[in-house]
Amino acid sequence: MKNEVIRILIADDHDIIRQGLKRIISFEEDIFIVLEAQNGQEALDLLKQKDVDIVLLDCNMPIVNGIQVLKSIRQQGDKIRVIMLTVENDRNTIHTAIDIGADGYILKDSAGTEIVNAIRLVYKGEKYIDKSLVALLFSDIKINEKKPSSLLDELSKREIEVLLKISKGLSNKEIGEQLYLSEKTVKNYTTNIFRKINVGDRVHATILALENNIEEYYIKKYEAEN
């Protein structure tokens, strides 16, 4: 990745947000802002003119909103990865973006290091969700009172530990550091977990884990053994 360049399009109707993101990214040698858009239609037009790797996409923009842009990108089958820029109280839009299949979700007021980390992880093919949004999803699930299934019973103790860390918004690298595993080993565990619980990415794995009260499940099944 050292010799690769990550090309970014920023789409946000607020100039102050675009300028802030540009300043954060300007310190990174491998990430470049190659295009800027002030609304969704402009973003779609620019994407036809120049190749980019990742779109930082505001959920709420004039003319064509971020959700419509995301739908268009997915319908066209583009390999462009999309990170949604959102605010904490935009619950419905976040859930809609999850259903459509964005690659990342970050809050507009996230720290610069978190934004850069999200860009790099999504570029490598991982899904990313801001840790604050994980708490929001958990809150929504508790409100909905969804019934747990027995899917967690399909996982080994180590797989449960990895999934628990995923549900807290940790990256593979962070999980490896906490569980004393290599990043590659964590990735292998993640692949197996997704296959067993029939999900395609970290975000849906997080939702399923929270629906099934994974922390309580782990405590009852494993900590009680000690």
Protein backbone atom coordinates (compact mmCIF):
# COMPACT_ATOMS: atom_id res chain seq x y z
CA MET A 1 0.00 0.00 0.00
CA LYS A 2 3.02 2.24 0.47
CA ASN A 3 3.29 2.96 -3.26
CA GLU A 4 -0.46 3.22 -3.88
CA VAL A 5 -2.49 6.39 -4.02
CA ILE A 6 -6.05 6.54 -2.71
CA ARG A 7 -8.13 8.91 -4.84
CA ILE A 8 -11.02 10.59 -3.05
CA LEU A 9 -14.15 12.46 -4.11
CA ILE A 10 -15.73 14.57 -1.36
CA ALA A 11 -19.44 15.28 -1.82
CA ASP A 12 -20.90 17.67 0.76
CA ASP A 13 -22.94 20.84 0.32
CA HIS A 14 -21.21 22.55 3.26
CA ASP A 15 -17.95 24.21 2.28
CA ILE A 16 -16.70 24.15 5.88
CA ILE A 17 -17.03 20.33 5.97
CA ARG A 18 -15.18 19.92 2.66
CA GLN A 19 -12.41 22.26 3.78
CA GLY A 20 -12.09 20.42 7.09
CA LEU A 21 -11.80 17.04 5.37
CA LYS A 22 -9.28 18.43 2.89
CA ARG A 23 -7.14 19.75 5.74
CA ILE A 24 -7.23 16.39 7.56
CA ILE A 25 -6.34 14.45 4.42
CA SER A 26 -3.66 16.91 3.29
CA PHE A 27 -1.29 15.50 5.93
CA GLU A 28 -1.45 12.01 4.39
CA GLU A 29 1.05 11.19 1.64
CA ASP A 30 -1.03 8.40 0.08
CA ILE A 31 -4.52 9.99 0.09
CA PHE A 32 -5.51 12.70 -2.36
CA ILE A 33 -8.69 14.68 -2.92
CA VAL A 34 -9.11 14.62 -6.69
CA LEU A 35 -12.72 15.82 -6.94
CA GLU A 36 -15.22 17.89 -4.94
CA ALA A 37 -18.99 18.13 -5.31
CA GLN A 38 -21.53 20.41 -3.64
CA ASN A 39 -24.55 18.21 -4.35
CA GLY A 40 -25.41 14.68 -5.38
CA GLN A 41 -25.98 15.42 -9.05
CA GLU A 42 -22.60 17.09 -9.35
CA ALA A 43 -21.02 14.05 -7.67
CA LEU A 44 -22.62 11.66 -10.18
CA ASP A 45 -21.52 13.85 -13.10
CA LEU A 46 -17.93 14.02 -11.81
CA LEU A 47 -17.76 10.25 -11.31
CA LYS A 48 -18.37 9.84 -15.06
CA GLN A 49 -15.37 12.05 -15.85
CA LYS A 50 -12.63 10.77 -13.58
CA ASP A 51 -11.79 7.56 -11.72
CA VAL A 52 -11.81 7.61 -7.93
CA ASP A 53 -11.35 4.90 -5.32
CA ILE A 54 -13.55 6.23 -2.52
CA VAL A 55 -16.40 8.71 -2.25
CA LEU A 56 -16.88 10.54 1.05
CA LEU A 57 -20.61 11.09 0.70
CA ASP A 58 -22.82 13.39 2.76
CA CYS A 59 -26.17 11.74 3.44
CA ASN A 60 -28.19 14.93 3.06
CA MET A 61 -27.46 17.10 0.02
CA PRO A 62 -29.61 19.21 -2.31
CA ILE A 63 -30.82 18.19 -5.80
CA VAL A 64 -29.79 14.53 -5.37
CA ASN A 65 -29.18 13.29 -1.83
CA GLY A 66 -26.45 10.92 -0.67
CA ILE A 67 -28.73 7.89 -0.50
CA GLN A 68 -29.74 8.37 -4.14
CA VAL A 69 -26.08 8.72 -5.14
CA LEU A 70 -25.24 5.52 -3.24
CA LYS A 71 -28.09 3.68 -4.97
CA SER A 72 -26.88 4.87 -8.37
CA ILE A 73 -23.31 3.74 -7.70
CA ARG A 74 -24.48 0.31 -6.55
CA GLN A 75 -26.94 -0.11 -9.45
CA GLN A 76 -24.20 0.66 -11.96
CA GLY A 77 -22.01 -1.99 -10.39
CA ASP A 78 -19.11 0.41 -9.91
CA LYS A 79 -16.28 -0.83 -7.73
CA ILE A 80 -16.09 2.59 -6.10
CA ARG A 81 -16.20 2.35 -2.32
CA VAL A 82 -18.51 4.71 -0.45
CA ILE A 83 -18.13 6.13 3.05
CA MET A 84 -21.25 7.90 4.30
CA LEU A 85 -20.81 11.13 6.25
CA THR A 86 -23.63 11.46 8.75
CA VAL A 87 -24.79 12.93 12.04
CA GLU A 88 -25.86 10.96 15.09
CA ASN A 89 -29.54 11.83 14.93
CA ASP A 90 -29.94 10.69 11.30
CA ARG A 91 -31.08 7.18 12.29
CA ASN A 92 -33.33 6.36 9.33
CA THR A 93 -30.74 7.39 6.76
CA ILE A 94 -28.06 5.30 8.47
CA HIS A 95 -30.25 2.19 8.38
CA THR A 96 -31.15 2.84 4.74
CA ALA A 97 -27.48 3.20 3.80
CA ILE A 98 -26.71 -0.07 5.59
CA ASP A 99 -29.42 -1.86 3.59
CA ILE A 100 -28.11 -0.46 0.29
CA GLY A 101 -24.56 -1.44 1.16
CA ALA A 102 -22.25 1.49 1.87
CA ASP A 103 -18.70 0.52 2.81
CA GLY A 104 -18.26 2.85 5.75
CA TYR A 105 -20.17 5.13 8.09
CA ILE A 106 -18.52 7.97 9.99
CA LEU A 107 -19.78 10.97 11.91
CA LYS A 108 -19.00 14.37 10.45
CA ASP A 109 -17.39 15.44 13.71
CA SER A 110 -15.16 12.35 13.98
CA ALA A 111 -11.51 12.86 14.85
CA GLY A 112 -9.12 13.19 11.93
CA THR A 113 -7.35 9.94 12.82
CA GLU A 114 -10.66 8.06 12.71
CA ILE A 115 -11.53 9.45 9.27
CA VAL A 116 -8.12 8.53 7.85
CA ASN A 117 -8.32 5.09 9.44
CA ALA A 118 -11.77 4.57 7.89
CA ILE A 119 -10.48 5.54 4.44
CA ARG A 120 -7.54 3.14 4.62
CA LEU A 121 -9.60 0.22 5.92
CA VAL A 122 -12.34 0.68 3.34
CA TYR A 123 -9.71 0.97 0.59
CA LYS A 124 -8.35 -2.42 1.66
CA GLY A 125 -11.83 -3.92 1.32
CA GLU A 126 -12.98 -3.82 4.94
CA LYS A 127 -16.23 -2.30 6.16
CA TYR A 128 -16.02 0.47 8.72
CA ILE A 129 -18.52 1.87 11.19
CA ASP A 130 -17.86 4.70 13.62
CA LYS A 131 -17.85 3.40 17.20
CA SER A 132 -20.46 6.01 18.18
CA LEU A 133 -22.79 4.67 15.50
CA VAL A 134 -22.43 1.14 16.93
CA ALA A 135 -23.97 2.46 20.14
CA LEU A 136 -26.75 4.07 18.10
CA LEU A 137 -27.52 0.79 16.33
CA PHE A 138 -27.60 -1.00 19.69
CA SER A 139 -30.06 1.59 20.99
CA ASP A 140 -32.34 1.08 17.98
CA ILE A 141 -32.21 -2.70 18.35
CA LYS A 142 -33.19 -2.46 22.03
CA ILE A 143 -36.13 -0.24 21.04
CA ASN A 144 -37.23 -2.74 18.39
CA GLU A 145 -36.97 -5.61 20.91
CA LYS A 146 -35.93 -8.13 18.31
CA LYS A 147 -35.84 -11.75 19.45
CA PRO A 148 -32.46 -13.46 19.53
CA SER A 149 -31.77 -16.55 17.47
CA SER A 150 -29.42 -19.45 18.12
CA LEU A 151 -26.92 -18.39 15.45
CA LEU A 152 -24.23 -17.65 18.02
CA ASP A 153 -24.29 -21.31 19.03
CA GLU A 154 -22.69 -22.07 15.65
CA LEU A 155 -19.53 -20.19 16.64
CA SER A 156 -16.53 -21.32 18.64
CA LYS A 157 -15.39 -19.43 21.74
CA ARG A 158 -12.65 -17.66 19.78
CA GLU A 159 -15.10 -16.74 17.01
CA ILE A 160 -17.47 -15.30 19.62
CA GLU A 161 -14.57 -13.26 21.04
CA VAL A 162 -13.71 -11.90 17.59
CA LEU A 163 -17.35 -11.12 16.78
CA LEU A 164 -17.73 -9.37 20.13
CA LYS A 165 -14.79 -7.12 19.24
CA ILE A 166 -16.26 -6.49 15.77
CA SER A 167 -19.53 -5.45 17.40
CA LYS A 168 -17.62 -2.82 19.37
CA GLY A 169 -16.36 -1.26 16.14
CA LEU A 170 -12.77 -2.54 16.29
CA SER A 171 -10.71 -3.14 13.15
CA ASN A 172 -8.92 -6.43 12.45
CA LYS A 173 -5.65 -4.88 13.57
CA GLU A 174 -7.14 -3.66 16.85
CA ILE A 175 -8.78 -7.05 17.47
CA GLY A 176 -5.45 -8.80 16.83
CA GLU A 177 -3.68 -6.55 19.33
CA GLN A 178 -6.30 -7.22 22.02
CA LEU A 179 -6.53 -10.98 21.46
CA TYR A 180 -2.80 -11.47 20.68
CA LEU A 181 -3.49 -12.70 17.16
CA SER A 182 -2.02 -11.67 13.83
CA GLU A 183 -4.14 -9.45 11.61
CA LYS A 184 -4.24 -12.25 9.02
CA THR A 185 -5.54 -14.73 11.61
CA VAL A 186 -8.28 -12.29 12.63
CA LYS A 187 -9.22 -11.87 8.99
CA ASN A 188 -9.53 -15.65 8.63
CA TYR A 189 -11.73 -15.83 11.72
CA THR A 190 -13.84 -12.99 10.35
CA THR A 191 -14.37 -14.81 7.04
CA ASN A 192 -15.49 -17.95 8.86
CA ILE A 193 -17.79 -16.01 11.16
CA PHE A 194 -19.50 -14.24 8.28
CA ARG A 195 -20.04 -17.56 6.52
CA LYS A 196 -21.50 -19.21 9.61
CA ILE A 197 -23.91 -16.40 10.47
CA ASN A 198 -24.69 -15.68 6.80
CA VAL A 199 -23.71 -12.00 6.56
CA GLY A 200 -21.59 -10.20 4.01
CA ASP A 201 -19.83 -7.52 6.01
CA ARG A 202 -18.87 -6.16 9.42
CA VAL A 203 -21.84 -3.84 9.72
CA HIS A 204 -24.43 -6.60 9.29
CA ALA A 205 -22.35 -8.83 11.56
CA THR A 206 -22.46 -6.08 14.18
CA ILE A 207 -26.22 -5.76 13.89
CA LEU A 208 -26.70 -9.52 14.23
CA ALA A 209 -24.33 -9.68 17.20
CA LEU A 210 -26.16 -6.88 18.99
CA GLU A 211 -29.56 -8.41 18.18
CA ASN A 212 -28.36 -11.57 19.87
CA ASN A 213 -26.99 -9.79 22.94
CA ILE A 214 -23.52 -11.13 22.26
CA GLU A 215 -21.87 -9.64 25.35
CA GLU A 216 -24.44 -11.21 27.68
CA TYR A 217 -24.19 -14.45 25.70
CA TYR A 218 -20.40 -14.56 26.14
CA ILE A 219 -20.56 -13.82 29.85
CA LYS A 220 -23.17 -16.52 30.51
CA LYS A 221 -21.56 -19.19 28.37
CA TYR A 222 -17.85 -18.67 28.97
CA GLU A 223 -17.12 -16.44 31.95
CA ALA A 224 -19.39 -18.59 34.07
CA GLU A 225 -17.03 -21.49 33.34
CA ASN A 226 -14.15 -19.78 35.13
